[in-house]
Amino acid sequence: MGFLSIDSKFSSSSFMQQQMKHCIPAYNPLVLSCVFSVLGISFCIFGSMLIQQSKQLIYFKMRHENGQTEQRQISLHLNQKQPLALYYQIPGFYQNIRSYVQSFNMTQLASNKFTDVPLDENCELTTPDKAINYPCGLIYKTRVEDIYTISINNIPLQMNAKILHKHDIQFNNYFGKAFKQLPNWQQVADWMLPAPFKDVQKAYSAASQEELALLNINFTNKVVIELKMSGTHNYSAFRNVVVAQPGLFGNKFETYALGKMNLAFGIVCTVCALLYLIVYIYLKVKEGPRIKDSKGIKHAIIKLQRTEPGVTSQYTD
């Protein structure tokens, strides 16, 4: 009986709550239609621009077998206004495993001399005479040391290895003096930042627009890019080498995906704008001359809300 009385109290309180006065905002559908129209048109234009830009970006992938010296030639159009970047991918190589991510010593990486922190290869403390003079741990040990060179129309292109942002170089507290004396330390630093996905992609080198202009090549025609690949990685059978021209929002596929998302959101906003416009036209036709200003629109919407089944609330201005 106690449970039944509680249920009856709940049902009565629920009925009383439904009878309580409350406020539901009445927005002007014409204003909402204008707002969604502006958003829809803006996102559609921006998305279309990104999709169009992605078509002008270069993304070419080649396979490099482990332990082989290979030479490939590709013919394509280059955009002189975009930098040229070189990446390497290792399919199926996981850098997001906890034991792998934690396999380094921060104090050693930030030191002025590696031997100042007496560690062995596994980052365990050892005697000073047995301390290693290079970074410890699996991340550094599994780094890629391949060598890639590029020439355009038989002209060698000096691809620099300065792939980190200037801010990361000047204000980086993770890598000390000893680390920055390693050959191609920026490539090693980029490798030691674990990738969250299974297909690891890292930057190898890049050439700016100014460096491309020094070649004095007619970029209106197709150019022949010759890529020489050599090196061995003990933890992968092959690598994918990527020649790309990144845009402001990433490489070709990232820019295209961002453009599609903006375009989809713009279409949704445009559909919402049309629906609110239909609601406004419906109210104008139904109420006729009584809708002269925003207050008349508000009363029409309140009247329309009152016709919903199950709504017993009282509305006031």
Protein backbone atom coordinates (compact mmCIF):
# COMPACT_ATOMS: atom_id res chain seq x y z
CA MET A 1 0.00 0.00 0.00
CA GLY A 2 2.91 2.33 0.72
CA PHE A 3 4.19 1.91 -2.80
CA LEU A 4 0.78 2.64 -4.25
CA SER A 5 0.49 5.85 -2.27
CA ILE A 6 3.90 6.96 -3.46
CA ASP A 7 2.94 6.25 -7.07
CA SER A 8 -0.27 8.21 -6.60
CA LYS A 9 1.72 11.15 -5.20
CA PHE A 10 4.05 11.04 -8.15
CA SER A 11 1.18 10.94 -10.62
CA SER A 12 -0.59 13.85 -8.93
CA SER A 13 2.59 15.93 -8.77
CA SER A 14 3.25 15.17 -12.45
CA PHE A 15 -0.28 16.31 -13.32
CA MET A 16 0.20 19.51 -11.31
CA GLN A 17 3.52 20.15 -13.02
CA GLN A 18 1.86 19.91 -16.43
CA GLN A 19 -0.66 22.57 -15.31
CA MET A 20 2.05 25.00 -14.17
CA LYS A 21 2.66 28.11 -16.23
CA HIS A 22 5.91 28.09 -18.12
CA CYS A 23 7.54 29.99 -20.94
CA ILE A 24 8.46 28.71 -24.40
CA PRO A 25 10.38 31.29 -26.45
CA ALA A 26 8.73 32.28 -29.74
CA TYR A 27 11.40 33.11 -32.31
CA ASN A 28 10.66 34.98 -35.49
CA PRO A 29 11.00 32.37 -38.28
CA LEU A 30 11.96 35.06 -40.80
CA VAL A 31 14.94 36.13 -38.65
CA LEU A 32 16.01 32.51 -38.18
CA SER A 33 15.67 31.95 -41.93
CA CYS A 34 18.01 34.89 -42.60
CA VAL A 35 20.54 33.69 -40.01
CA PHE A 36 20.62 30.14 -41.37
CA SER A 37 20.79 31.49 -44.93
CA VAL A 38 23.93 33.49 -44.11
CA LEU A 39 25.50 30.49 -42.36
CA GLY A 40 24.54 28.10 -45.15
CA ILE A 41 25.85 30.28 -47.97
CA SER A 42 29.08 31.05 -46.07
CA PHE A 43 29.87 27.41 -45.27
CA CYS A 44 28.93 26.26 -48.77
CA ILE A 45 31.26 28.83 -50.35
CA PHE A 46 34.08 28.01 -47.93
CA GLY A 47 33.63 24.26 -48.42
CA SER A 48 33.58 24.61 -52.20
CA MET A 49 36.79 26.67 -52.05
CA LEU A 50 38.51 23.97 -49.97
CA ILE A 51 37.38 21.21 -52.34
CA GLN A 52 38.63 23.23 -55.30
CA GLN A 53 41.95 23.86 -53.53
CA SER A 54 42.35 20.15 -52.79
CA LYS A 55 42.22 19.44 -56.53
CA GLN A 56 45.26 21.68 -57.02
CA LEU A 57 47.33 19.97 -54.31
CA ILE A 58 49.77 17.19 -55.15
CA TYR A 59 49.76 13.89 -53.25
CA PHE A 60 51.73 11.02 -54.76
CA LYS A 61 52.62 7.83 -52.88
CA MET A 62 55.37 5.34 -53.75
CA ARG A 63 56.38 2.07 -52.10
CA HIS A 64 59.95 1.62 -50.87
CA GLU A 65 60.96 -1.98 -50.18
CA ASN A 66 63.13 -2.57 -47.14
CA GLY A 67 66.88 -2.72 -47.80
CA GLN A 68 66.66 -1.72 -51.47
CA THR A 69 67.94 1.32 -53.30
CA GLU A 70 65.19 2.42 -55.65
CA GLN A 71 64.80 5.24 -58.10
CA ARG A 72 61.39 6.40 -59.33
CA GLN A 73 60.28 9.05 -61.80
CA ILE A 74 56.89 10.73 -61.83
CA SER A 75 55.52 13.42 -64.14
CA LEU A 76 53.03 15.91 -62.71
CA HIS A 77 52.08 19.57 -62.41
CA LEU A 78 53.57 21.44 -59.47
CA ASN A 79 52.12 24.59 -57.97
CA GLN A 80 54.96 27.04 -57.43
CA LYS A 81 52.90 28.90 -54.81
CA GLN A 82 52.83 25.86 -52.51
CA PRO A 83 55.77 24.25 -50.66
CA LEU A 84 56.89 20.73 -51.54
CA ALA A 85 57.02 18.22 -48.70
CA LEU A 86 58.34 14.69 -48.36
CA TYR A 87 56.79 12.20 -45.93
CA TYR A 88 57.26 8.53 -45.12
CA GLN A 89 54.58 6.15 -43.87
CA ILE A 90 54.91 2.81 -42.06
CA PRO A 91 51.65 0.83 -42.40
CA GLY A 92 50.71 -1.30 -39.40
CA PHE A 93 53.35 0.23 -37.11
CA TYR A 94 51.76 1.18 -33.79
CA GLN A 95 53.27 4.05 -31.83
CA ASN A 96 50.34 4.36 -29.44
CA ILE A 97 51.20 1.37 -27.22
CA ARG A 98 51.68 2.48 -23.63
CA SER A 99 55.00 0.72 -23.04
CA TYR A 100 56.34 2.16 -26.31
CA VAL A 101 55.19 5.71 -25.60
CA GLN A 102 56.79 5.64 -22.13
CA SER A 103 60.09 4.18 -23.36
CA PHE A 104 62.28 7.28 -23.00
CA ASN A 105 63.77 9.45 -20.26
CA MET A 106 62.79 13.12 -20.21
CA THR A 107 65.76 14.16 -18.10
CA GLN A 108 68.19 12.58 -20.54
CA LEU A 109 66.54 14.19 -23.57
CA ALA A 110 66.75 17.64 -21.96
CA SER A 111 70.36 17.25 -20.79
CA ASN A 112 73.40 19.05 -22.19
CA LYS A 113 75.27 15.74 -22.34
CA PHE A 114 73.68 12.30 -22.50
CA THR A 115 76.26 10.73 -20.17
CA ASP A 116 75.32 13.22 -17.46
CA VAL A 117 72.32 10.95 -16.87
CA PRO A 118 73.76 7.42 -16.37
CA LEU A 119 71.24 5.20 -18.18
CA ASP A 120 71.43 2.00 -20.21
CA GLU A 121 69.55 1.28 -23.46
CA ASN A 122 66.37 0.42 -21.55
CA CYS A 123 66.45 3.73 -19.63
CA GLU A 124 67.46 1.96 -16.42
CA LEU A 125 70.00 3.55 -14.07
CA THR A 126 73.52 2.23 -14.46
CA THR A 127 77.09 3.15 -13.52
CA PRO A 128 78.63 6.27 -15.15
CA ASP A 129 81.19 4.17 -17.05
CA LYS A 130 78.39 2.16 -18.71
CA ALA A 131 76.13 5.13 -19.49
CA ILE A 132 75.14 5.37 -23.18
CA ASN A 133 75.90 8.51 -25.19
CA TYR A 134 72.61 8.56 -27.13
CA PRO A 135 68.89 8.61 -26.22
CA CYS A 136 67.62 5.48 -24.53
CA GLY A 137 64.37 3.63 -25.11
CA LEU A 138 62.44 1.98 -27.92
CA ILE A 139 61.22 5.19 -29.57
CA TYR A 140 64.72 6.30 -30.51
CA LYS A 141 65.85 2.75 -31.28
CA THR A 142 63.05 2.15 -33.82
CA ARG A 143 63.55 5.43 -35.72
CA VAL A 144 63.70 5.43 -39.52
CA GLU A 145 67.08 6.32 -41.01
CA ASP A 146 66.25 6.09 -44.71
CA ILE A 147 67.78 8.54 -47.16
CA TYR A 148 65.57 10.23 -49.76
CA THR A 149 66.74 12.67 -52.43
CA ILE A 150 64.68 14.58 -55.01
CA SER A 151 65.52 16.19 -58.33
CA ILE A 152 63.17 18.13 -60.61
CA ASN A 153 63.89 18.04 -64.36
CA ASN A 154 67.34 16.60 -63.52
CA ILE A 155 68.08 19.53 -61.20
CA PRO A 156 68.80 18.39 -57.59
CA LEU A 157 66.48 20.00 -55.07
CA GLN A 158 67.96 20.80 -51.69
CA MET A 159 65.22 19.57 -49.36
CA ASN A 160 65.95 20.88 -45.87
CA ALA A 161 65.27 18.89 -42.72
CA LYS A 162 63.98 21.88 -40.74
CA ILE A 163 60.50 20.48 -40.40
CA LEU A 164 59.64 21.75 -36.91
CA HIS A 165 57.96 25.10 -36.43
CA LYS A 166 60.12 28.01 -35.32
CA HIS A 167 58.19 28.21 -32.06
CA ASP A 168 58.98 24.54 -31.31
CA ILE A 169 62.68 25.15 -31.89
CA GLN A 170 63.05 28.33 -29.83
CA PHE A 171 60.82 27.44 -26.89
CA ASN A 172 61.18 23.64 -26.78
CA ASN A 173 62.15 22.42 -23.32
CA TYR A 174 62.01 18.72 -24.12
CA PHE A 175 65.16 18.46 -26.24
CA GLY A 176 68.41 19.76 -24.80
CA LYS A 177 71.79 20.66 -26.25
CA ALA A 178 72.94 17.06 -26.62
CA PHE A 179 69.82 16.03 -28.55
CA LYS A 180 70.06 19.00 -30.91
CA GLN A 181 73.57 17.90 -31.87
CA LEU A 182 72.26 14.63 -33.33
CA PRO A 183 72.26 14.36 -37.16
CA ASN A 184 68.88 15.53 -38.48
CA TRP A 185 67.64 16.04 -34.94
CA GLN A 186 64.38 17.58 -36.12
CA GLN A 187 63.48 14.38 -37.99
CA VAL A 188 64.32 12.37 -34.87
CA ALA A 189 62.27 14.74 -32.72
CA ASP A 190 59.28 14.37 -35.07
CA TRP A 191 59.64 10.58 -34.90
CA MET A 192 59.71 10.65 -31.09
CA LEU A 193 56.34 12.41 -30.97
CA PRO A 194 54.13 9.25 -31.06
CA ALA A 195 51.44 9.08 -33.72
CA PRO A 196 47.94 8.08 -32.50
CA PHE A 197 47.11 6.01 -35.61
CA LYS A 198 48.42 2.66 -36.76
CA ASP A 199 49.82 3.98 -40.04
CA VAL A 200 52.62 6.23 -38.85
CA GLN A 201 53.25 9.23 -41.12
CA LYS A 202 56.22 11.48 -40.43
CA ALA A 203 57.75 14.46 -42.19
CA TYR A 204 61.17 13.85 -43.74
CA SER A 205 62.02 17.18 -45.38
CA ALA A 206 60.49 20.12 -47.21
CA ALA A 207 61.23 22.81 -49.77
CA SER A 208 59.67 26.27 -49.53
CA GLN A 209 58.21 28.31 -52.40
CA GLU A 210 61.42 30.36 -52.49
CA GLU A 211 63.56 27.25 -52.84
CA LEU A 212 61.38 25.99 -55.69
CA ALA A 213 61.68 29.36 -57.44
CA LEU A 214 65.50 29.07 -57.40
CA LEU A 215 65.28 26.13 -59.83
CA ASN A 216 64.19 28.47 -62.66
CA ILE A 217 61.77 25.87 -64.02
CA ASN A 218 58.66 26.52 -66.09
CA PHE A 219 55.97 25.25 -63.70
CA THR A 220 53.18 25.80 -66.22
CA ASN A 221 54.14 22.46 -67.81
CA LYS A 222 54.53 19.09 -66.18
CA VAL A 223 57.82 18.49 -64.39
CA VAL A 224 59.66 15.21 -63.94
CA ILE A 225 60.34 14.42 -60.28
CA GLU A 226 63.01 11.82 -59.66
CA LEU A 227 63.04 10.27 -56.19
CA LYS A 228 65.89 8.12 -54.91
CA MET A 229 65.15 5.95 -51.88
CA SER A 230 67.57 3.87 -49.83
CA GLY A 231 67.74 2.49 -46.32
CA THR A 232 66.75 -0.39 -44.06
CA HIS A 233 64.30 -0.42 -41.18
CA ASN A 234 64.47 -3.46 -38.92
CA TYR A 235 60.83 -3.17 -37.87
CA SER A 236 59.03 -2.81 -41.20
CA ALA A 237 59.15 -4.64 -44.53
CA PHE A 238 58.44 -1.50 -46.56
CA ARG A 239 57.65 2.19 -46.33
CA ASN A 240 55.38 4.43 -48.36
CA VAL A 241 57.13 7.58 -49.49
CA VAL A 242 54.80 10.51 -50.14
CA VAL A 243 55.54 13.56 -52.28
CA ALA A 244 52.95 16.22 -51.47
CA GLN A 245 52.20 19.90 -51.65
CA PRO A 246 50.32 20.79 -48.45
CA GLY A 247 47.85 23.63 -48.29
CA LEU A 248 46.77 25.88 -45.46
CA PHE A 249 44.58 23.16 -43.93
CA GLY A 250 46.77 20.11 -44.52
CA ASN A 251 47.44 17.78 -47.41
CA LYS A 252 45.15 16.95 -50.31
CA PHE A 253 42.84 14.52 -48.50
CA GLU A 254 42.65 16.51 -45.25
CA THR A 255 41.68 19.64 -47.22
CA TYR A 256 39.10 17.69 -49.23
CA ALA A 257 37.57 16.14 -46.08
CA LEU A 258 37.36 19.54 -44.36
CA GLY A 259 35.74 20.98 -47.49
CA LYS A 260 33.11 18.22 -47.53
CA MET A 261 32.28 18.79 -43.85
CA ASN A 262 31.85 22.53 -44.40
CA LEU A 263 29.75 21.90 -47.49
CA ALA A 264 27.53 19.40 -45.65
CA PHE A 265 27.03 21.81 -42.75
CA GLY A 266 26.21 24.58 -45.22
CA ILE A 267 23.59 22.41 -46.92
CA VAL A 268 21.99 21.58 -43.54
CA CYS A 269 21.85 25.29 -42.65
CA THR A 270 20.32 26.09 -46.04
CA VAL A 271 17.64 23.43 -45.54
CA CYS A 272 16.85 24.87 -42.10
CA ALA A 273 16.59 28.34 -43.66
CA LEU A 274 14.07 27.04 -46.21
CA LEU A 275 12.02 25.29 -43.49
CA TYR A 276 11.81 28.47 -41.39
CA LEU A 277 10.86 30.43 -44.49
CA ILE A 278 8.06 27.94 -45.19
CA VAL A 279 6.86 28.35 -41.58
CA TYR A 280 6.83 32.14 -42.01
CA ILE A 281 4.89 31.92 -45.29
CA TYR A 282 2.43 29.48 -43.69
CA LEU A 283 1.79 31.88 -40.79
CA LYS A 284 1.37 34.83 -43.17
CA VAL A 285 -1.16 32.91 -45.26
CA LYS A 286 -3.06 31.53 -42.27
CA GLU A 287 -3.23 34.67 -40.12
CA GLY A 288 -3.33 37.11 -43.02
CA PRO A 289 -3.34 40.86 -42.27
CA ARG A 290 -3.11 40.34 -38.48
CA ILE A 291 0.63 39.73 -38.86
CA LYS A 292 2.03 43.21 -39.28
CA ASP A 293 5.06 43.14 -36.99
CA SER A 294 7.16 40.82 -34.82
CA LYS A 295 4.50 40.89 -32.07
CA GLY A 296 1.95 39.55 -34.51
CA ILE A 297 4.36 36.79 -35.48
CA LYS A 298 4.82 35.93 -31.81
CA HIS A 299 1.08 35.63 -31.20
CA ALA A 300 0.72 33.46 -34.31
CA ILE A 301 3.44 31.09 -33.11
CA ILE A 302 1.92 30.92 -29.61
CA LYS A 303 -1.44 30.14 -31.16
CA LEU A 304 0.16 27.43 -33.28
CA GLN A 305 1.86 25.93 -30.21
CA ARG A 306 -1.43 25.79 -28.34
CA THR A 307 -2.87 23.54 -31.01
CA GLU A 308 -0.28 20.84 -30.22
CA PRO A 309 -1.87 17.74 -28.62
CA GLY A 310 -1.26 17.39 -24.88
CA VAL A 311 -0.19 21.04 -24.33
CA THR A 312 -2.34 22.57 -21.56
CA SER A 313 -0.01 25.39 -20.47
CA GLN A 314 -1.11 28.99 -20.45
CA TYR A 315 0.95 31.45 -22.48
CA THR A 316 1.40 35.11 -21.78
CA ASP A 317 3.33 37.85 -23.53
